[in-house]
Amino acid sequence: MSDKKFPKDAMRVLKETSRTFYIPITFLEKELKHSVASAYLIMRAIDEIEDHEDVDNDTKNKILLQVSDLLKHSFDETRYQEILSPVKEKMPEVTIRLGDWIDACPDQTVSIVTEYSSEMAEGMAKWAKANWNVRTREELDDYTYYVAGLVGVMLSELWEVCAGEKTDRELAIGYGRGLQAVNILRNEEEDYEERGVSFVPDDMNRDDLFKYAEDNLAKADEYMTMVHKRSIRLFCKLPLALAHKSLKAMKDGREKISRQEVEETVEEVKKD
């Protein structure tokens, strides 16, 4: 186990940037907590580049490919700041401090985290260049893999390395895809109106996307049967419970679940 000191403000930045996962990450034991927190900060740093409305797609593609390549090697902070320099003034703290999150990751798991982060950056670069123009079911699978499914695979690898928990890769991908599909449904109108982007394939309608989300969340439910360690179960169970409730709320005609429902769900999960 690594004795590396975890930055005191890392959890602050995580809470500010990834509220959905901040609470479940606090359920994890020390090494996994630090590994997963670092991973989410690194991936959020990358996501902020991909998502920034004031950066053109060609620039996003170029920067993300360079970041992807950088993450395949021993991290060079000077080189990273050079890569980021054309857009640095537009980027939030979480992106500028990517090197801090890599340094914070325990020695035992940092290679896993950077490998999957590199893959995510490369996938995001591809989709930025394509202006997130998702036309087919296969392309939807590809997009949801890069932005969420591979996170599930990374987490499964971390569970095994740190806690001896073995899970199924395809179910892990389904877990990530299910959460992302719920996000796509919730943000469909906003994505189109504000970004001119639609993640709904030409051969699918909103009802088909609901079915896509349900099918993948069913895989997530099956994934849960393979997780036995309580702290990991708590981590996995909360986002999944919120996704199920969000999907039901949208089916009932509501935009999203209430803050009270979120708080009630957190308490329900803690009783597991």
Protein backbone atom coordinates (compact mmCIF):
# COMPACT_ATOMS: atom_id res chain seq x y z
CA MET A 1 0.00 0.00 0.00
CA SER A 2 1.25 3.46 -0.93
CA ASP A 3 2.27 5.94 1.75
CA LYS A 4 1.88 8.80 -0.73
CA LYS A 5 0.20 11.81 0.84
CA PHE A 6 -3.17 12.67 -0.67
CA PRO A 7 -3.65 16.43 -1.27
CA LYS A 8 -5.97 17.97 1.30
CA ASP A 9 -7.85 19.98 -1.29
CA ALA A 10 -8.37 17.15 -3.78
CA MET A 11 -11.71 16.16 -2.26
CA ARG A 12 -12.76 19.83 -2.32
CA VAL A 13 -12.10 20.02 -6.05
CA LEU A 14 -13.84 16.68 -6.57
CA LYS A 15 -16.92 17.90 -4.71
CA GLU A 16 -17.00 21.07 -6.80
CA THR A 17 -16.67 19.23 -10.12
CA SER A 18 -18.27 15.78 -9.68
CA ARG A 19 -21.05 16.00 -7.13
CA THR A 20 -22.66 12.82 -8.44
CA PHE A 21 -19.63 10.75 -7.48
CA TYR A 22 -18.27 12.69 -4.52
CA ILE A 23 -20.53 10.97 -1.97
CA PRO A 24 -20.01 7.38 -3.22
CA ILE A 25 -16.24 7.91 -3.35
CA THR A 26 -16.28 8.81 0.35
CA PHE A 27 -17.71 5.33 1.04
CA LEU A 28 -14.51 3.64 -0.18
CA GLU A 29 -11.58 2.55 1.98
CA LYS A 30 -8.38 4.58 1.88
CA GLU A 31 -6.39 3.24 -1.09
CA LEU A 32 -9.43 2.77 -3.29
CA LYS A 33 -10.81 6.12 -2.18
CA HIS A 34 -7.61 7.89 -3.20
CA SER A 35 -7.31 5.89 -6.44
CA VAL A 36 -10.89 6.53 -7.54
CA ALA A 37 -10.85 10.18 -6.46
CA SER A 38 -7.66 10.74 -8.47
CA ALA A 39 -9.13 8.92 -11.46
CA TYR A 40 -12.30 11.03 -11.44
CA LEU A 41 -10.31 14.25 -11.14
CA ILE A 42 -8.05 13.23 -14.03
CA MET A 43 -10.98 12.24 -16.19
CA ARG A 44 -12.90 15.38 -15.27
CA ALA A 45 -9.84 17.43 -16.22
CA ILE A 46 -9.96 15.80 -19.65
CA ASP A 47 -13.73 16.14 -19.93
CA GLU A 48 -13.56 19.88 -19.29
CA ILE A 49 -11.37 20.24 -22.39
CA GLU A 50 -13.76 18.15 -24.49
CA ASP A 51 -16.81 19.98 -23.18
CA HIS A 52 -15.66 23.62 -23.25
CA GLU A 53 -18.02 25.75 -25.32
CA ASP A 54 -15.39 28.39 -26.13
CA VAL A 55 -12.85 25.99 -27.67
CA ASP A 56 -13.29 24.89 -31.29
CA ASN A 57 -13.44 21.20 -32.13
CA ASP A 58 -10.17 21.06 -34.08
CA THR A 59 -8.32 22.56 -31.11
CA LYS A 60 -10.04 20.12 -28.75
CA ASN A 61 -9.03 17.23 -30.99
CA LYS A 62 -5.40 18.33 -31.13
CA ILE A 63 -5.06 18.97 -27.39
CA LEU A 64 -6.85 15.77 -26.36
CA LEU A 65 -4.68 13.63 -28.64
CA GLN A 66 -1.55 15.23 -27.17
CA VAL A 67 -2.83 14.67 -23.62
CA SER A 68 -3.64 11.07 -24.50
CA ASP A 69 -0.09 10.51 -25.72
CA LEU A 70 1.38 12.27 -22.68
CA LEU A 71 -0.53 9.96 -20.34
CA LYS A 72 1.09 6.93 -21.97
CA HIS A 73 4.46 7.96 -20.58
CA SER A 74 5.91 9.30 -17.35
CA PHE A 75 3.93 12.50 -16.82
CA ASP A 76 5.78 15.68 -17.80
CA GLU A 77 4.20 18.71 -16.10
CA THR A 78 6.11 21.23 -18.25
CA ARG A 79 5.00 19.51 -21.44
CA TYR A 80 1.39 19.35 -20.21
CA GLN A 81 1.31 23.08 -19.54
CA GLU A 82 2.72 23.67 -23.05
CA ILE A 83 -0.04 21.50 -24.55
CA LEU A 84 -2.68 23.34 -22.53
CA SER A 85 -1.28 26.83 -23.19
CA PRO A 86 -3.58 27.76 -26.15
CA VAL A 87 -6.66 27.31 -23.94
CA LYS A 88 -5.26 27.47 -20.40
CA GLU A 89 -6.91 30.78 -19.49
CA LYS A 90 -10.31 29.25 -20.26
CA MET A 91 -9.80 26.08 -18.24
CA PRO A 92 -10.97 25.41 -14.66
CA GLU A 93 -8.72 24.46 -11.77
CA VAL A 94 -9.37 20.73 -12.18
CA THR A 95 -7.90 20.78 -15.70
CA ILE A 96 -4.93 23.00 -14.97
CA ARG A 97 -3.94 20.77 -12.04
CA LEU A 98 -4.03 17.44 -13.92
CA GLY A 99 -0.47 16.70 -12.78
CA ASP A 100 -1.49 17.05 -9.12
CA TRP A 101 -4.16 14.38 -9.52
CA ILE A 102 -1.70 11.99 -11.14
CA ASP A 103 0.77 12.63 -8.31
CA ALA A 104 -1.98 11.96 -5.77
CA CYS A 105 -2.86 8.53 -7.18
CA PRO A 106 -1.40 5.62 -5.16
CA ASP A 107 1.65 3.98 -6.74
CA GLN A 108 -0.13 0.63 -7.00
CA THR A 109 -2.91 1.99 -9.19
CA VAL A 110 -1.55 5.02 -11.05
CA SER A 111 -0.65 3.02 -14.18
CA ILE A 112 -4.23 1.68 -14.39
CA VAL A 113 -5.73 5.13 -13.99
CA THR A 114 -3.47 6.82 -16.56
CA GLU A 115 -3.97 3.99 -19.08
CA TYR A 116 -7.74 4.38 -19.08
CA SER A 117 -7.52 8.18 -18.92
CA SER A 118 -5.34 8.12 -22.03
CA GLU A 119 -7.90 5.93 -23.80
CA MET A 120 -10.70 8.29 -22.78
CA ALA A 121 -8.82 11.35 -24.07
CA GLU A 122 -8.22 9.64 -27.42
CA GLY A 123 -11.87 8.66 -27.74
CA MET A 124 -13.05 12.15 -26.80
CA ALA A 125 -10.67 13.62 -29.39
CA LYS A 126 -12.28 11.46 -32.05
CA TRP A 127 -15.80 12.49 -31.07
CA ALA A 128 -14.90 16.18 -30.81
CA LYS A 129 -13.59 16.06 -34.38
CA ALA A 130 -16.87 14.41 -35.44
CA ASN A 131 -18.84 17.11 -33.56
CA TRP A 132 -20.48 14.31 -31.55
CA ASN A 133 -22.58 13.43 -34.58
CA VAL A 134 -23.99 10.06 -33.45
CA ARG A 135 -25.82 8.46 -36.39
CA THR A 136 -26.12 4.76 -35.60
CA ARG A 137 -26.60 2.43 -32.64
CA GLU A 138 -23.01 1.26 -33.11
CA GLU A 139 -21.76 4.85 -32.88
CA LEU A 140 -23.85 5.39 -29.75
CA ASP A 141 -22.18 2.33 -28.21
CA ASP A 142 -18.78 3.70 -29.21
CA TYR A 143 -19.45 7.15 -27.74
CA THR A 144 -20.93 5.83 -24.49
CA TYR A 145 -18.00 3.44 -24.13
CA TYR A 146 -15.41 6.20 -24.32
CA VAL A 147 -17.17 8.60 -21.95
CA ALA A 148 -18.53 6.09 -19.43
CA GLY A 149 -18.15 2.40 -20.24
CA LEU A 150 -14.39 2.44 -19.95
CA VAL A 151 -14.74 4.05 -16.52
CA GLY A 152 -16.65 0.93 -15.48
CA VAL A 153 -13.84 -1.29 -16.78
CA MET A 154 -11.21 0.80 -14.98
CA LEU A 155 -13.13 0.61 -11.72
CA SER A 156 -13.48 -3.16 -12.05
CA GLU A 157 -9.73 -3.42 -12.47
CA LEU A 158 -9.21 -1.27 -9.38
CA TRP A 159 -11.66 -3.42 -7.38
CA GLU A 160 -9.63 -6.52 -8.26
CA VAL A 161 -6.20 -5.02 -7.61
CA CYS A 162 -7.09 -3.33 -4.33
CA ALA A 163 -9.79 -5.59 -2.90
CA GLY A 164 -9.73 -8.89 -4.79
CA GLU A 165 -13.23 -8.31 -6.19
CA LYS A 166 -13.62 -9.88 -9.63
CA THR A 167 -16.40 -8.57 -11.89
CA ASP A 168 -17.46 -8.94 -15.51
CA ARG A 169 -16.02 -6.51 -18.09
CA GLU A 170 -19.10 -6.38 -20.34
CA LEU A 171 -21.41 -5.80 -17.38
CA ALA A 172 -19.09 -3.02 -16.20
CA ILE A 173 -19.36 -1.38 -19.61
CA GLY A 174 -23.15 -1.75 -19.44
CA TYR A 175 -23.13 -0.04 -16.04
CA GLY A 176 -21.30 2.97 -17.46
CA ARG A 177 -23.42 3.08 -20.61
CA GLY A 178 -26.61 2.95 -18.55
CA LEU A 179 -25.62 5.99 -16.49
CA GLN A 180 -24.57 7.88 -19.61
CA ALA A 181 -27.81 7.04 -21.42
CA VAL A 182 -29.77 8.54 -18.53
CA ASN A 183 -27.63 11.70 -18.81
CA ILE A 184 -28.28 11.86 -22.56
CA LEU A 185 -32.03 11.59 -22.01
CA ARG A 186 -31.99 14.24 -19.29
CA ASN A 187 -29.88 16.69 -21.32
CA GLU A 188 -31.24 15.94 -24.81
CA GLU A 189 -33.02 19.26 -25.35
CA GLU A 190 -30.23 21.34 -23.77
CA ASP A 191 -27.50 19.60 -25.81
CA TYR A 192 -29.35 20.32 -29.04
CA GLU A 193 -30.37 23.90 -28.26
CA GLU A 194 -27.09 25.05 -26.74
CA ARG A 195 -24.53 22.95 -28.63
CA GLY A 196 -26.39 21.78 -31.74
CA VAL A 197 -25.54 18.22 -30.76
CA SER A 198 -27.77 15.16 -30.67
CA PHE A 199 -26.62 11.87 -29.18
CA VAL A 200 -29.78 10.10 -30.40
CA PRO A 201 -28.94 8.07 -33.55
CA ASP A 202 -30.88 8.66 -36.75
CA ASP A 203 -32.47 5.21 -36.50
CA MET A 204 -33.54 5.63 -32.86
CA ASN A 205 -36.15 7.83 -31.18
CA ARG A 206 -36.51 8.86 -27.54
CA ASP A 207 -38.43 5.70 -26.69
CA ASP A 208 -35.60 3.64 -28.20
CA LEU A 209 -33.13 5.56 -26.06
CA PHE A 210 -35.19 4.78 -22.96
CA LYS A 211 -34.97 1.09 -23.94
CA TYR A 212 -31.20 1.46 -24.47
CA ALA A 213 -30.87 2.93 -20.97
CA GLU A 214 -33.05 0.22 -19.42
CA ASP A 215 -31.14 -2.60 -21.12
CA ASN A 216 -27.81 -1.26 -19.90
CA LEU A 217 -29.06 -0.55 -16.38
CA ALA A 218 -30.21 -4.18 -16.30
CA LYS A 219 -26.57 -5.12 -16.94
CA ALA A 220 -25.60 -2.79 -14.11
CA ASP A 221 -28.06 -4.59 -11.81
CA GLU A 222 -26.44 -7.90 -12.78
CA TYR A 223 -23.00 -6.37 -12.18
CA MET A 224 -24.08 -5.57 -8.62
CA THR A 225 -24.59 -9.28 -7.90
CA MET A 226 -20.84 -9.76 -8.39
CA VAL A 227 -19.81 -7.08 -5.88
CA HIS A 228 -19.63 -8.34 -2.30
CA LYS A 229 -17.37 -5.93 -0.40
CA ARG A 230 -19.68 -3.49 1.38
CA SER A 231 -17.73 -0.29 0.70
CA ILE A 232 -17.56 -1.07 -3.03
CA ARG A 233 -21.24 -2.07 -3.09
CA LEU A 234 -22.15 1.28 -1.54
CA PHE A 235 -20.05 3.09 -4.13
CA CYS A 236 -21.67 1.24 -7.03
CA LYS A 237 -25.19 1.22 -5.65
CA LEU A 238 -25.75 4.96 -5.21
CA PRO A 239 -25.21 6.19 -8.79
CA LEU A 240 -27.20 3.19 -10.04
CA ALA A 241 -30.12 3.89 -7.68
CA LEU A 242 -30.14 7.55 -8.75
CA ALA A 243 -30.07 6.52 -12.43
CA HIS A 244 -33.05 4.18 -11.98
CA LYS A 245 -35.02 6.89 -10.18
CA SER A 246 -34.09 9.54 -12.75
CA LEU A 247 -35.20 7.28 -15.58
CA LYS A 248 -38.54 6.64 -13.88
CA ALA A 249 -39.02 10.36 -13.21
CA MET A 250 -38.47 11.17 -16.90
CA LYS A 251 -40.88 8.42 -17.92
CA ASP A 252 -43.41 10.03 -15.60
CA GLY A 253 -42.91 13.36 -17.36
CA ARG A 254 -40.57 15.03 -14.86
CA GLU A 255 -37.28 16.59 -15.93
CA LYS A 256 -35.31 15.14 -13.02
CA ILE A 257 -35.57 13.91 -9.45
CA SER A 258 -35.67 16.41 -6.60
CA ARG A 259 -32.89 17.22 -4.17
CA GLN A 260 -34.99 15.61 -1.44
CA GLU A 261 -35.22 12.40 -3.49
CA VAL A 262 -31.45 12.42 -3.90
CA GLU A 263 -30.94 12.81 -0.15
CA GLU A 264 -33.47 10.06 0.59
CA THR A 265 -31.70 7.76 -1.86
CA VAL A 266 -28.35 8.38 -0.18
CA GLU A 267 -29.85 7.38 3.18
CA GLU A 268 -31.50 4.30 1.66
CA VAL A 269 -28.20 3.15 0.16
CA LYS A 270 -26.30 3.70 3.41
CA LYS A 271 -28.65 1.24 5.11
CA ASP A 272 -27.44 -1.55 2.82
